[in-house]
Amino acid sequence: MVLDVFSRCVVGWMVATRESATLATRFIEVICIKQQIPPGQLTIHADRGPSMTSKAVAQLLADLSITKTHSRPYTSDDNPFSEAQFKTLKYRPDFPERFGSLQDARAYCRAFFHWYNQEHRHGGIAYLTPQSVHDGQPLAILSARHATMQAAFDRYPQRFKGRPPALQQLPDAVWINPPDTSANTLNDSGEHA
């Protein structure tokens, strides 16, 4: 699964019988084409599984000027965004204990990822759907929501305890591994720390 961490939108997923460098390479390449990602714009954060650390994937990422980061060794929960998404998947009431076949797993995931992107209102992105944020619609949606809340406040201020509603905002940036800015800070004597 490839997740845009800013919008929380799942931009690609695959269910296969096995993990392989060939499948991973083709998967990433197709997503980059489908999402029209220009070289030098993307960072992929991956686990340390054999397919994601393979030479084939490393070569593809280099060819596409994709920066890669990996989870810390022996740290299975190093990507809170994908961990939260997988928790949403596995805690759905209809998530089966076992899938009957590969086709069953793909059918379930197809329906789930459609729901997740198109209908699920995510708390980390102001209760918008991942697809609406990914498509660049949040300002219009949040403005319309704010206008509705403001009209309700104007009519029934007691329901808001006298405080007008605030316009919700998305974060300016989202990071798995924030850039190290300590090298750019100055100490008390004006030298770089």
N, C-alpha and C. Protein backbone atom coordinates (compact mmCIF):
# COMPACT_ATOMS: atom_id res chain seq x y z
N MET A 1 0.84 -1.16 0.00
CA MET A 1 0.00 0.00 0.00
C MET A 1 0.90 1.23 0.00
N VAL A 2 0.53 2.22 -0.81
CA VAL A 2 1.24 3.49 -0.80
C VAL A 2 0.24 4.55 -0.34
N LEU A 3 0.63 5.28 0.69
CA LEU A 3 -0.21 6.27 1.33
C LEU A 3 0.43 7.63 1.21
N ASP A 4 -0.30 8.61 0.71
CA ASP A 4 0.15 10.00 0.72
C ASP A 4 -0.05 10.49 2.15
N VAL A 5 1.02 10.73 2.89
CA VAL A 5 0.87 11.03 4.31
C VAL A 5 0.20 12.37 4.56
N PHE A 6 0.29 13.33 3.63
CA PHE A 6 -0.38 14.61 3.86
C PHE A 6 -1.88 14.45 3.79
N SER A 7 -2.38 13.83 2.73
CA SER A 7 -3.82 13.70 2.55
C SER A 7 -4.39 12.44 3.19
N ARG A 8 -3.54 11.50 3.57
CA ARG A 8 -3.91 10.18 4.07
C ARG A 8 -4.57 9.34 2.98
N CYS A 9 -4.45 9.74 1.73
CA CYS A 9 -5.07 9.03 0.62
C CYS A 9 -4.21 7.83 0.21
N VAL A 10 -4.83 6.68 0.07
CA VAL A 10 -4.15 5.49 -0.43
C VAL A 10 -4.12 5.64 -1.95
N VAL A 11 -2.93 5.89 -2.49
CA VAL A 11 -2.81 6.13 -3.93
C VAL A 11 -2.52 4.85 -4.71
N GLY A 12 -2.25 3.78 -4.02
CA GLY A 12 -2.04 2.50 -4.67
C GLY A 12 -1.98 1.38 -3.65
N TRP A 13 -2.45 0.22 -4.06
CA TRP A 13 -2.39 -0.95 -3.18
C TRP A 13 -2.30 -2.19 -4.05
N MET A 14 -1.81 -3.24 -3.43
CA MET A 14 -1.66 -4.51 -4.14
C MET A 14 -1.79 -5.64 -3.13
N VAL A 15 -2.46 -6.69 -3.53
CA VAL A 15 -2.50 -7.93 -2.76
C VAL A 15 -1.93 -9.00 -3.67
N ALA A 16 -0.88 -9.66 -3.23
CA ALA A 16 -0.22 -10.69 -4.03
C ALA A 16 0.02 -11.93 -3.17
N THR A 17 0.34 -13.01 -3.83
CA THR A 17 0.59 -14.26 -3.11
C THR A 17 1.93 -14.25 -2.40
N ARG A 18 2.84 -13.37 -2.87
CA ARG A 18 4.16 -13.30 -2.26
C ARG A 18 4.72 -11.90 -2.46
N GLU A 19 5.73 -11.59 -1.69
CA GLU A 19 6.43 -10.32 -1.79
C GLU A 19 7.63 -10.53 -2.71
N SER A 20 7.85 -9.58 -3.64
CA SER A 20 9.02 -9.72 -4.50
C SER A 20 9.48 -8.35 -4.97
N ALA A 21 10.76 -8.27 -5.29
CA ALA A 21 11.34 -7.03 -5.79
C ALA A 21 10.71 -6.64 -7.13
N THR A 22 10.43 -7.61 -7.96
CA THR A 22 9.83 -7.34 -9.27
C THR A 22 8.45 -6.71 -9.11
N LEU A 23 7.63 -7.28 -8.24
CA LEU A 23 6.30 -6.72 -7.99
C LEU A 23 6.40 -5.32 -7.39
N ALA A 24 7.29 -5.14 -6.43
CA ALA A 24 7.45 -3.83 -5.79
C ALA A 24 7.90 -2.78 -6.79
N THR A 25 8.83 -3.14 -7.66
CA THR A 25 9.32 -2.21 -8.67
C THR A 25 8.20 -1.79 -9.61
N ARG A 26 7.47 -2.76 -10.12
CA ARG A 26 6.37 -2.45 -11.03
C ARG A 26 5.29 -1.63 -10.33
N PHE A 27 4.99 -1.97 -9.09
CA PHE A 27 3.98 -1.28 -8.29
C PHE A 27 4.33 0.20 -8.12
N ILE A 28 5.54 0.49 -7.72
CA ILE A 28 5.98 1.87 -7.52
C ILE A 28 5.99 2.64 -8.84
N GLU A 29 6.46 2.01 -9.87
CA GLU A 29 6.52 2.65 -11.18
C GLU A 29 5.12 3.03 -11.68
N VAL A 30 4.17 2.12 -11.55
CA VAL A 30 2.79 2.39 -11.97
C VAL A 30 2.18 3.54 -11.17
N ILE A 31 2.42 3.55 -9.86
CA ILE A 31 1.88 4.63 -9.03
C ILE A 31 2.46 5.98 -9.43
N CYS A 32 3.74 6.04 -9.69
CA CYS A 32 4.37 7.30 -10.10
C CYS A 32 3.78 7.81 -11.42
N ILE A 33 3.52 6.91 -12.35
CA ILE A 33 2.91 7.30 -13.62
C ILE A 33 1.47 7.75 -13.40
N LYS A 34 0.70 6.95 -12.67
CA LYS A 34 -0.71 7.25 -12.43
C LYS A 34 -0.88 8.58 -11.70
N GLN A 35 -0.01 8.85 -10.73
CA GLN A 35 -0.11 10.08 -9.95
C GLN A 35 0.63 11.26 -10.59
N GLN A 36 1.28 11.00 -11.72
CA GLN A 36 2.03 12.04 -12.45
C GLN A 36 3.05 12.74 -11.54
N ILE A 37 3.85 11.92 -10.87
CA ILE A 37 4.84 12.46 -9.94
C ILE A 37 6.13 12.74 -10.69
N PRO A 38 6.54 14.00 -10.77
CA PRO A 38 7.79 14.31 -11.48
C PRO A 38 9.01 13.85 -10.68
N PRO A 39 10.11 13.56 -11.37
CA PRO A 39 11.33 13.15 -10.68
C PRO A 39 11.76 14.19 -9.65
N GLY A 40 12.28 13.71 -8.53
CA GLY A 40 12.80 14.59 -7.49
C GLY A 40 11.77 15.11 -6.50
N GLN A 41 10.51 14.73 -6.65
CA GLN A 41 9.46 15.26 -5.78
C GLN A 41 9.06 14.31 -4.65
N LEU A 42 9.29 13.03 -4.83
CA LEU A 42 8.72 12.02 -3.94
C LEU A 42 9.74 11.46 -2.97
N THR A 43 9.27 11.20 -1.75
CA THR A 43 10.03 10.43 -0.77
C THR A 43 9.18 9.22 -0.42
N ILE A 44 9.77 8.06 -0.48
CA ILE A 44 9.08 6.83 -0.08
C ILE A 44 9.71 6.34 1.21
N HIS A 45 8.85 6.14 2.21
CA HIS A 45 9.28 5.58 3.48
C HIS A 45 8.76 4.15 3.53
N ALA A 46 9.65 3.21 3.68
CA ALA A 46 9.26 1.81 3.60
C ALA A 46 9.82 1.01 4.77
N ASP A 47 9.22 -0.16 4.93
CA ASP A 47 9.78 -1.07 5.92
C ASP A 47 11.10 -1.63 5.38
N ARG A 48 11.72 -2.47 6.15
CA ARG A 48 13.00 -3.03 5.74
C ARG A 48 12.84 -4.44 5.15
N GLY A 49 11.68 -4.70 4.57
CA GLY A 49 11.45 -6.00 3.95
C GLY A 49 12.35 -6.20 2.74
N PRO A 50 12.55 -7.45 2.35
CA PRO A 50 13.50 -7.74 1.27
C PRO A 50 13.16 -7.07 -0.06
N SER A 51 11.88 -6.94 -0.37
CA SER A 51 11.56 -6.32 -1.67
C SER A 51 11.87 -4.82 -1.64
N MET A 52 11.61 -4.16 -0.53
CA MET A 52 11.84 -2.71 -0.48
C MET A 52 13.32 -2.35 -0.31
N THR A 53 14.13 -3.28 0.11
CA THR A 53 15.57 -3.02 0.23
C THR A 53 16.34 -3.66 -0.92
N SER A 54 15.64 -4.19 -1.90
CA SER A 54 16.31 -4.89 -3.02
C SER A 54 17.01 -3.90 -3.95
N LYS A 55 17.96 -4.44 -4.71
CA LYS A 55 18.68 -3.62 -5.70
C LYS A 55 17.74 -3.14 -6.78
N ALA A 56 16.76 -3.96 -7.18
CA ALA A 56 15.82 -3.56 -8.24
C ALA A 56 15.02 -2.33 -7.83
N VAL A 57 14.52 -2.33 -6.60
CA VAL A 57 13.75 -1.17 -6.12
C VAL A 57 14.67 0.02 -5.94
N ALA A 58 15.86 -0.20 -5.38
CA ALA A 58 16.82 0.90 -5.21
C ALA A 58 17.17 1.54 -6.55
N GLN A 59 17.35 0.72 -7.58
CA GLN A 59 17.67 1.26 -8.91
C GLN A 59 16.50 2.06 -9.48
N LEU A 60 15.28 1.55 -9.33
CA LEU A 60 14.11 2.27 -9.81
C LEU A 60 13.99 3.62 -9.11
N LEU A 61 14.14 3.61 -7.79
CA LEU A 61 14.04 4.86 -7.04
C LEU A 61 15.11 5.85 -7.48
N ALA A 62 16.31 5.37 -7.73
CA ALA A 62 17.38 6.25 -8.23
C ALA A 62 17.03 6.78 -9.61
N ASP A 63 16.52 5.92 -10.49
CA ASP A 63 16.15 6.34 -11.84
C ASP A 63 15.05 7.40 -11.83
N LEU A 64 14.13 7.30 -10.87
CA LEU A 64 13.02 8.25 -10.78
C LEU A 64 13.32 9.42 -9.84
N SER A 65 14.55 9.49 -9.35
CA SER A 65 14.95 10.54 -8.39
C SER A 65 14.03 10.59 -7.18
N ILE A 66 13.70 9.41 -6.67
CA ILE A 66 12.86 9.29 -5.48
C ILE A 66 13.76 9.09 -4.28
N THR A 67 13.57 9.91 -3.27
CA THR A 67 14.30 9.75 -2.02
C THR A 67 13.65 8.61 -1.24
N LYS A 68 14.47 7.77 -0.62
CA LYS A 68 13.89 6.69 0.17
C LYS A 68 14.38 6.77 1.60
N THR A 69 13.48 6.44 2.49
CA THR A 69 13.83 6.29 3.90
C THR A 69 13.27 4.95 4.33
N HIS A 70 13.86 4.39 5.35
CA HIS A 70 13.41 3.10 5.86
C HIS A 70 13.12 3.21 7.35
N SER A 71 12.26 2.32 7.80
CA SER A 71 11.98 2.23 9.23
C SER A 71 13.27 1.93 9.98
N ARG A 72 13.29 2.31 11.23
CA ARG A 72 14.44 1.98 12.07
C ARG A 72 14.52 0.48 12.24
N PRO A 73 15.72 -0.06 12.34
CA PRO A 73 15.84 -1.52 12.51
C PRO A 73 15.05 -2.01 13.72
N TYR A 74 14.38 -3.13 13.54
CA TYR A 74 13.63 -3.80 14.61
C TYR A 74 12.52 -2.92 15.18
N THR A 75 12.00 -1.98 14.38
CA THR A 75 10.93 -1.11 14.83
C THR A 75 9.76 -1.27 13.85
N SER A 76 8.82 -2.11 14.21
CA SER A 76 7.74 -2.44 13.29
C SER A 76 6.69 -1.34 13.18
N ASP A 77 6.65 -0.42 14.14
CA ASP A 77 5.62 0.62 14.11
C ASP A 77 6.21 2.00 13.85
N ASP A 78 7.18 2.07 12.94
CA ASP A 78 7.90 3.31 12.69
C ASP A 78 7.17 4.26 11.75
N ASN A 79 6.06 3.86 11.18
CA ASN A 79 5.30 4.72 10.29
C ASN A 79 3.89 4.85 10.85
N PRO A 80 3.64 5.87 11.67
CA PRO A 80 2.34 5.97 12.33
C PRO A 80 1.18 6.14 11.36
N PHE A 81 1.43 6.70 10.18
CA PHE A 81 0.36 6.91 9.21
C PHE A 81 -0.13 5.59 8.63
N SER A 82 0.79 4.75 8.20
CA SER A 82 0.35 3.46 7.66
C SER A 82 -0.15 2.55 8.78
N GLU A 83 0.43 2.66 9.96
CA GLU A 83 -0.07 1.85 11.08
C GLU A 83 -1.52 2.21 11.40
N ALA A 84 -1.83 3.50 11.40
CA ALA A 84 -3.21 3.92 11.67
C ALA A 84 -4.15 3.44 10.57
N GLN A 85 -3.68 3.50 9.33
CA GLN A 85 -4.52 3.06 8.21
C GLN A 85 -4.77 1.55 8.31
N PHE A 86 -3.74 0.77 8.61
CA PHE A 86 -3.93 -0.67 8.74
C PHE A 86 -4.82 -1.01 9.94
N LYS A 87 -4.75 -0.21 11.00
CA LYS A 87 -5.64 -0.44 12.14
C LYS A 87 -7.08 -0.19 11.73
N THR A 88 -7.31 0.86 10.93
CA THR A 88 -8.66 1.13 10.43
C THR A 88 -9.16 -0.06 9.61
N LEU A 89 -8.29 -0.62 8.78
CA LEU A 89 -8.64 -1.79 7.97
C LEU A 89 -8.99 -2.98 8.86
N LYS A 90 -8.12 -3.32 9.78
CA LYS A 90 -8.28 -4.55 10.57
C LYS A 90 -9.37 -4.46 11.63
N TYR A 91 -9.75 -3.24 12.04
CA TYR A 91 -10.76 -3.11 13.08
C TYR A 91 -12.16 -2.89 12.50
N ARG A 92 -12.29 -2.95 11.18
CA ARG A 92 -13.62 -2.86 10.58
C ARG A 92 -14.43 -4.07 11.03
N PRO A 93 -15.70 -3.87 11.34
CA PRO A 93 -16.52 -5.01 11.81
C PRO A 93 -16.60 -6.16 10.81
N ASP A 94 -16.47 -5.86 9.51
CA ASP A 94 -16.60 -6.92 8.52
C ASP A 94 -15.26 -7.52 8.09
N PHE A 95 -14.17 -7.14 8.77
CA PHE A 95 -12.87 -7.69 8.40
C PHE A 95 -12.85 -9.17 8.79
N PRO A 96 -12.60 -10.05 7.81
CA PRO A 96 -12.69 -11.49 8.10
C PRO A 96 -11.48 -12.01 8.89
N GLU A 97 -11.70 -13.09 9.59
CA GLU A 97 -10.59 -13.73 10.29
C GLU A 97 -9.60 -14.30 9.28
N ARG A 98 -10.13 -14.82 8.17
CA ARG A 98 -9.31 -15.34 7.07
C ARG A 98 -10.03 -15.04 5.77
N PHE A 99 -9.24 -14.87 4.70
CA PHE A 99 -9.83 -14.71 3.38
C PHE A 99 -9.89 -16.09 2.73
N GLY A 100 -10.95 -16.35 1.99
CA GLY A 100 -11.10 -17.65 1.33
C GLY A 100 -10.15 -17.84 0.16
N SER A 101 -9.75 -16.73 -0.47
CA SER A 101 -8.87 -16.82 -1.63
C SER A 101 -8.22 -15.48 -1.87
N LEU A 102 -7.27 -15.46 -2.78
CA LEU A 102 -6.62 -14.21 -3.18
C LEU A 102 -7.65 -13.25 -3.76
N GLN A 103 -8.58 -13.77 -4.54
CA GLN A 103 -9.63 -12.94 -5.13
C GLN A 103 -10.52 -12.32 -4.04
N ASP A 104 -10.81 -13.08 -2.99
CA ASP A 104 -11.60 -12.55 -1.87
C ASP A 104 -10.86 -11.39 -1.19
N ALA A 105 -9.57 -11.56 -0.98
CA ALA A 105 -8.77 -10.51 -0.34
C ALA A 105 -8.74 -9.26 -1.21
N ARG A 106 -8.57 -9.43 -2.51
CA ARG A 106 -8.55 -8.28 -3.42
C ARG A 106 -9.91 -7.58 -3.45
N ALA A 107 -10.98 -8.35 -3.49
CA ALA A 107 -12.32 -7.76 -3.50
C ALA A 107 -12.57 -6.97 -2.21
N TYR A 108 -12.18 -7.55 -1.09
CA TYR A 108 -12.36 -6.84 0.18
C TYR A 108 -11.55 -5.53 0.18
N CYS A 109 -10.31 -5.61 -0.23
CA CYS A 109 -9.45 -4.41 -0.23
C CYS A 109 -9.95 -3.36 -1.22
N ARG A 110 -10.45 -3.78 -2.36
CA ARG A 110 -10.99 -2.83 -3.34
C ARG A 110 -12.12 -2.02 -2.71
N ALA A 111 -13.05 -2.69 -2.05
CA ALA A 111 -14.16 -2.00 -1.39
C ALA A 111 -13.66 -1.15 -0.22
N PHE A 112 -12.74 -1.71 0.58
CA PHE A 112 -12.24 -0.97 1.73
C PHE A 112 -11.53 0.32 1.31
N PHE A 113 -10.59 0.21 0.36
CA PHE A 113 -9.82 1.40 -0.02
C PHE A 113 -10.69 2.45 -0.70
N HIS A 114 -11.72 2.02 -1.42
CA HIS A 114 -12.67 2.99 -1.97
C HIS A 114 -13.36 3.73 -0.83
N TRP A 115 -13.87 2.99 0.16
CA TRP A 115 -14.52 3.60 1.31
C TRP A 115 -13.54 4.52 2.04
N TYR A 116 -12.33 4.01 2.29
CA TYR A 116 -11.34 4.78 3.05
C TYR A 116 -11.03 6.11 2.37
N ASN A 117 -10.82 6.12 1.07
CA ASN A 117 -10.47 7.34 0.35
C ASN A 117 -11.66 8.26 0.13
N GLN A 118 -12.82 7.70 -0.19
CA GLN A 118 -13.96 8.49 -0.64
C GLN A 118 -14.97 8.87 0.45
N GLU A 119 -15.07 8.04 1.50
CA GLU A 119 -16.13 8.26 2.48
C GLU A 119 -15.63 8.49 3.91
N HIS A 120 -14.55 7.86 4.28
CA HIS A 120 -14.02 7.94 5.63
C HIS A 120 -13.59 9.37 5.96
N ARG A 121 -14.08 9.91 7.04
CA ARG A 121 -13.72 11.26 7.48
C ARG A 121 -12.63 11.11 8.53
N HIS A 122 -11.46 11.60 8.20
CA HIS A 122 -10.26 11.34 8.99
C HIS A 122 -10.00 12.48 9.98
N GLY A 123 -9.85 12.13 11.24
CA GLY A 123 -9.62 13.13 12.28
C GLY A 123 -8.34 13.93 12.10
N GLY A 124 -7.31 13.34 11.52
CA GLY A 124 -6.04 14.03 11.33
C GLY A 124 -6.05 15.06 10.22
N ILE A 125 -7.12 15.07 9.43
CA ILE A 125 -7.23 16.04 8.33
C ILE A 125 -8.57 16.77 8.41
N ALA A 126 -8.91 17.22 9.61
CA ALA A 126 -10.09 18.05 9.86
C ALA A 126 -11.39 17.36 9.44
N TYR A 127 -11.46 16.06 9.61
CA TYR A 127 -12.64 15.27 9.28
C TYR A 127 -13.08 15.43 7.83
N LEU A 128 -12.09 15.53 6.95
CA LEU A 128 -12.32 15.51 5.52
C LEU A 128 -12.01 14.10 5.03
N THR A 129 -12.41 13.79 3.81
CA THR A 129 -12.04 12.50 3.23
C THR A 129 -10.63 12.62 2.66
N PRO A 130 -9.86 11.55 2.69
CA PRO A 130 -8.52 11.60 2.10
C PRO A 130 -8.53 12.04 0.64
N GLN A 131 -9.49 11.55 -0.15
CA GLN A 131 -9.52 11.91 -1.57
C GLN A 131 -9.77 13.40 -1.77
N SER A 132 -10.63 14.00 -0.94
CA SER A 132 -10.90 15.44 -1.10
C SER A 132 -9.65 16.27 -0.81
N VAL A 133 -8.84 15.85 0.15
CA VAL A 133 -7.60 16.56 0.44
C VAL A 133 -6.59 16.30 -0.68
N HIS A 134 -6.50 15.07 -1.12
CA HIS A 134 -5.56 14.72 -2.19
C HIS A 134 -5.88 15.47 -3.48
N ASP A 135 -7.17 15.70 -3.73
CA ASP A 135 -7.59 16.39 -4.94
C ASP A 135 -7.55 17.91 -4.80
N GLY A 136 -7.13 18.42 -3.64
CA GLY A 136 -6.99 19.86 -3.47
C GLY A 136 -8.29 20.60 -3.18
N GLN A 137 -9.26 19.95 -2.56
CA GLN A 137 -10.56 20.56 -2.28
C GLN A 137 -10.76 21.04 -0.85
N PRO A 138 -9.78 20.91 0.05
CA PRO A 138 -10.09 21.18 1.45
C PRO A 138 -10.53 22.60 1.76
N LEU A 139 -9.96 23.61 1.12
CA LEU A 139 -10.32 24.99 1.44
C LEU A 139 -11.79 25.25 1.15
N ALA A 140 -12.28 24.79 0.02
CA ALA A 140 -13.70 24.99 -0.33
C ALA A 140 -14.61 24.27 0.66
N ILE A 141 -14.25 23.03 1.00
CA ILE A 141 -15.07 22.26 1.93
C ILE A 141 -15.04 22.87 3.32
N LEU A 142 -13.85 23.22 3.80
CA LEU A 142 -13.74 23.80 5.14
C LEU A 142 -14.42 25.17 5.21
N SER A 143 -14.36 25.96 4.15
CA SER A 143 -15.03 27.26 4.12
C SER A 143 -16.54 27.10 4.18
N ALA A 144 -17.07 26.15 3.39
CA ALA A 144 -18.52 25.89 3.40
C ALA A 144 -18.95 25.37 4.77
N ARG A 145 -18.16 24.49 5.36
CA ARG A 145 -18.47 23.97 6.70
C ARG A 145 -18.48 25.10 7.72
N HIS A 146 -17.49 25.99 7.62
CA HIS A 146 -17.41 27.12 8.55
C HIS A 146 -18.61 28.05 8.39
N ALA A 147 -19.04 28.31 7.14
CA ALA A 147 -20.20 29.17 6.91
C ALA A 147 -21.45 28.56 7.54
N THR A 148 -21.61 27.25 7.43
CA THR A 148 -22.75 26.57 8.04
C THR A 148 -22.69 26.67 9.56
N MET A 149 -21.50 26.45 10.12
CA MET A 149 -21.34 26.56 11.57
C MET A 149 -21.56 27.99 12.05
N GLN A 150 -21.09 28.98 11.28
CA GLN A 150 -21.28 30.38 11.65
C GLN A 150 -22.76 30.75 11.63
N ALA A 151 -23.50 30.26 10.63
CA ALA A 151 -24.95 30.53 10.57
C ALA A 151 -25.65 29.90 11.76
N ALA A 152 -25.25 28.70 12.14
CA ALA A 152 -25.83 28.05 13.32
C ALA A 152 -25.49 28.84 14.58
N PHE A 153 -24.26 29.33 14.66
CA PHE A 153 -23.85 30.13 15.82
C PHE A 153 -24.67 31.42 15.89
N ASP A 154 -24.85 32.08 14.74
CA ASP A 154 -25.61 33.33 14.72
C ASP A 154 -27.04 33.12 15.18
N ARG A 155 -27.60 31.96 14.86
CA ARG A 155 -28.98 31.66 15.21
C ARG A 155 -29.12 31.12 16.64
N TYR A 156 -28.16 30.30 17.07
CA TYR A 156 -28.22 29.66 18.39
C TYR A 156 -26.88 29.77 19.12
N PRO A 157 -26.45 30.96 19.51
CA PRO A 157 -25.13 31.09 20.15
C PRO A 157 -25.00 30.30 21.45
N GLN A 158 -26.11 30.04 22.14
CA GLN A 158 -26.06 29.29 23.39
C GLN A 158 -25.57 27.86 23.17
N ARG A 159 -25.77 27.31 21.98
CA ARG A 159 -25.29 25.96 21.69
C ARG A 159 -23.77 25.91 21.56
N PHE A 160 -23.17 27.07 21.37
CA PHE A 160 -21.71 27.15 21.19
C PHE A 160 -21.04 27.77 22.42
N LYS A 161 -21.80 27.88 23.52
CA LYS A 161 -21.30 28.48 24.76
C LYS A 161 -20.76 29.88 24.51
N GLY A 162 -21.38 30.58 23.55
CA GLY A 162 -21.01 31.97 23.28
C GLY A 162 -19.74 32.16 22.48
N ARG A 163 -19.07 31.07 22.10
CA ARG A 163 -17.82 31.19 21.33
C ARG A 163 -18.09 30.88 19.87
N PRO A 164 -17.76 31.80 18.98
CA PRO A 164 -17.99 31.54 17.55
C PRO A 164 -17.08 30.40 17.06
N PRO A 165 -17.54 29.66 16.07
CA PRO A 165 -16.72 28.55 15.55
C PRO A 165 -15.48 29.07 14.82
N ALA A 166 -14.41 28.33 14.93
CA ALA A 166 -13.16 28.68 14.24
C ALA A 166 -13.09 27.93 12.92
N LEU A 167 -12.49 28.55 11.92
CA LEU A 167 -12.26 27.89 10.64
C LEU A 167 -11.20 26.82 10.83
N GLN A 168 -11.55 25.57 10.54
CA GLN A 168 -10.58 24.48 10.68
C GLN A 168 -9.50 24.60 9.61
N GLN A 169 -8.30 24.16 9.94
CA GLN A 169 -7.17 24.23 9.03
C GLN A 169 -6.49 22.88 8.94
N LEU A 170 -5.85 22.64 7.81
CA LEU A 170 -4.98 21.48 7.68
C LEU A 170 -3.58 21.88 8.11
N PRO A 171 -2.75 20.94 8.49
CA PRO A 171 -1.37 21.29 8.84
C PRO A 171 -0.63 21.79 7.59
N ASP A 172 0.40 22.61 7.81
CA ASP A 172 1.21 23.10 6.69
C ASP A 172 2.04 21.98 6.07
N ALA A 173 2.51 21.07 6.90
CA ALA A 173 3.35 19.97 6.43
C ALA A 173 3.16 18.77 7.35
N VAL A 174 3.43 17.61 6.82
CA VAL A 174 3.35 16.37 7.59
C VAL A 174 4.63 15.59 7.34
N TRP A 175 5.22 15.06 8.39
CA TRP A 175 6.50 14.35 8.26
C TRP A 175 6.47 13.03 8.99
N ILE A 176 7.13 12.04 8.41
CA ILE A 176 7.44 10.82 9.16
C ILE A 176 8.78 11.04 9.85
N ASN A 177 9.75 11.51 9.10
CA ASN A 177 11.06 11.85 9.63
C ASN A 177 11.30 13.33 9.34
N PRO A 178 10.98 14.21 10.30
CA PRO A 178 11.16 15.64 10.04
C PRO A 178 12.61 15.97 9.72
N PRO A 179 12.81 16.96 8.85
CA PRO A 179 14.19 17.34 8.55
C PRO A 179 14.89 17.87 9.80
N ASP A 180 16.16 17.62 9.88
CA ASP A 180 16.96 18.08 11.01
C ASP A 180 17.28 19.55 10.79
N THR A 181 16.68 20.41 11.58
CA THR A 181 16.91 21.85 11.44
C THR A 181 17.95 22.35 12.44
N SER A 182 18.49 21.45 13.25
CA SER A 182 19.45 21.90 14.27
C SER A 182 20.70 22.48 13.64
N ALA A 183 21.10 22.05 12.46
CA ALA A 183 22.29 22.58 11.80
C ALA A 183 22.08 24.02 11.35
N ASN A 184 20.82 24.43 11.23
CA ASN A 184 20.54 25.78 10.78
C ASN A 184 20.28 26.75 11.93
N THR A 185 20.36 26.27 13.16
CA THR A 185 20.12 27.15 14.29
C THR A 185 21.44 27.71 14.80
N LEU A 186 21.38 28.90 15.32
CA LEU A 186 22.57 29.56 15.87
C LEU A 186 22.56 29.45 17.38
N ASN A 187 23.76 29.29 17.94
CA ASN A 187 23.84 29.27 19.40
C ASN A 187 23.98 30.70 19.92
N ASP A 188 24.18 30.85 21.24
CA ASP A 188 24.22 32.18 21.86
C ASP A 188 25.33 33.06 21.28
N SER A 189 26.41 32.48 20.80
CA SER A 189 27.51 33.27 20.26
C SER A 189 27.37 33.54 18.77
N GLY A 190 26.20 33.16 18.17
CA GLY A 190 25.98 33.44 16.76
C GLY A 190 26.59 32.43 15.82
N GLU A 191 27.09 31.31 16.34
CA GLU A 191 27.66 30.26 15.50
C GLU A 191 26.64 29.17 15.28
N HIS A 192 26.80 28.45 14.18
CA HIS A 192 25.89 27.33 13.93
C HIS A 192 26.07 26.26 14.99
N ALA A 193 24.97 25.77 15.48
CA ALA A 193 25.01 24.75 16.55
C ALA A 193 25.43 23.42 15.99
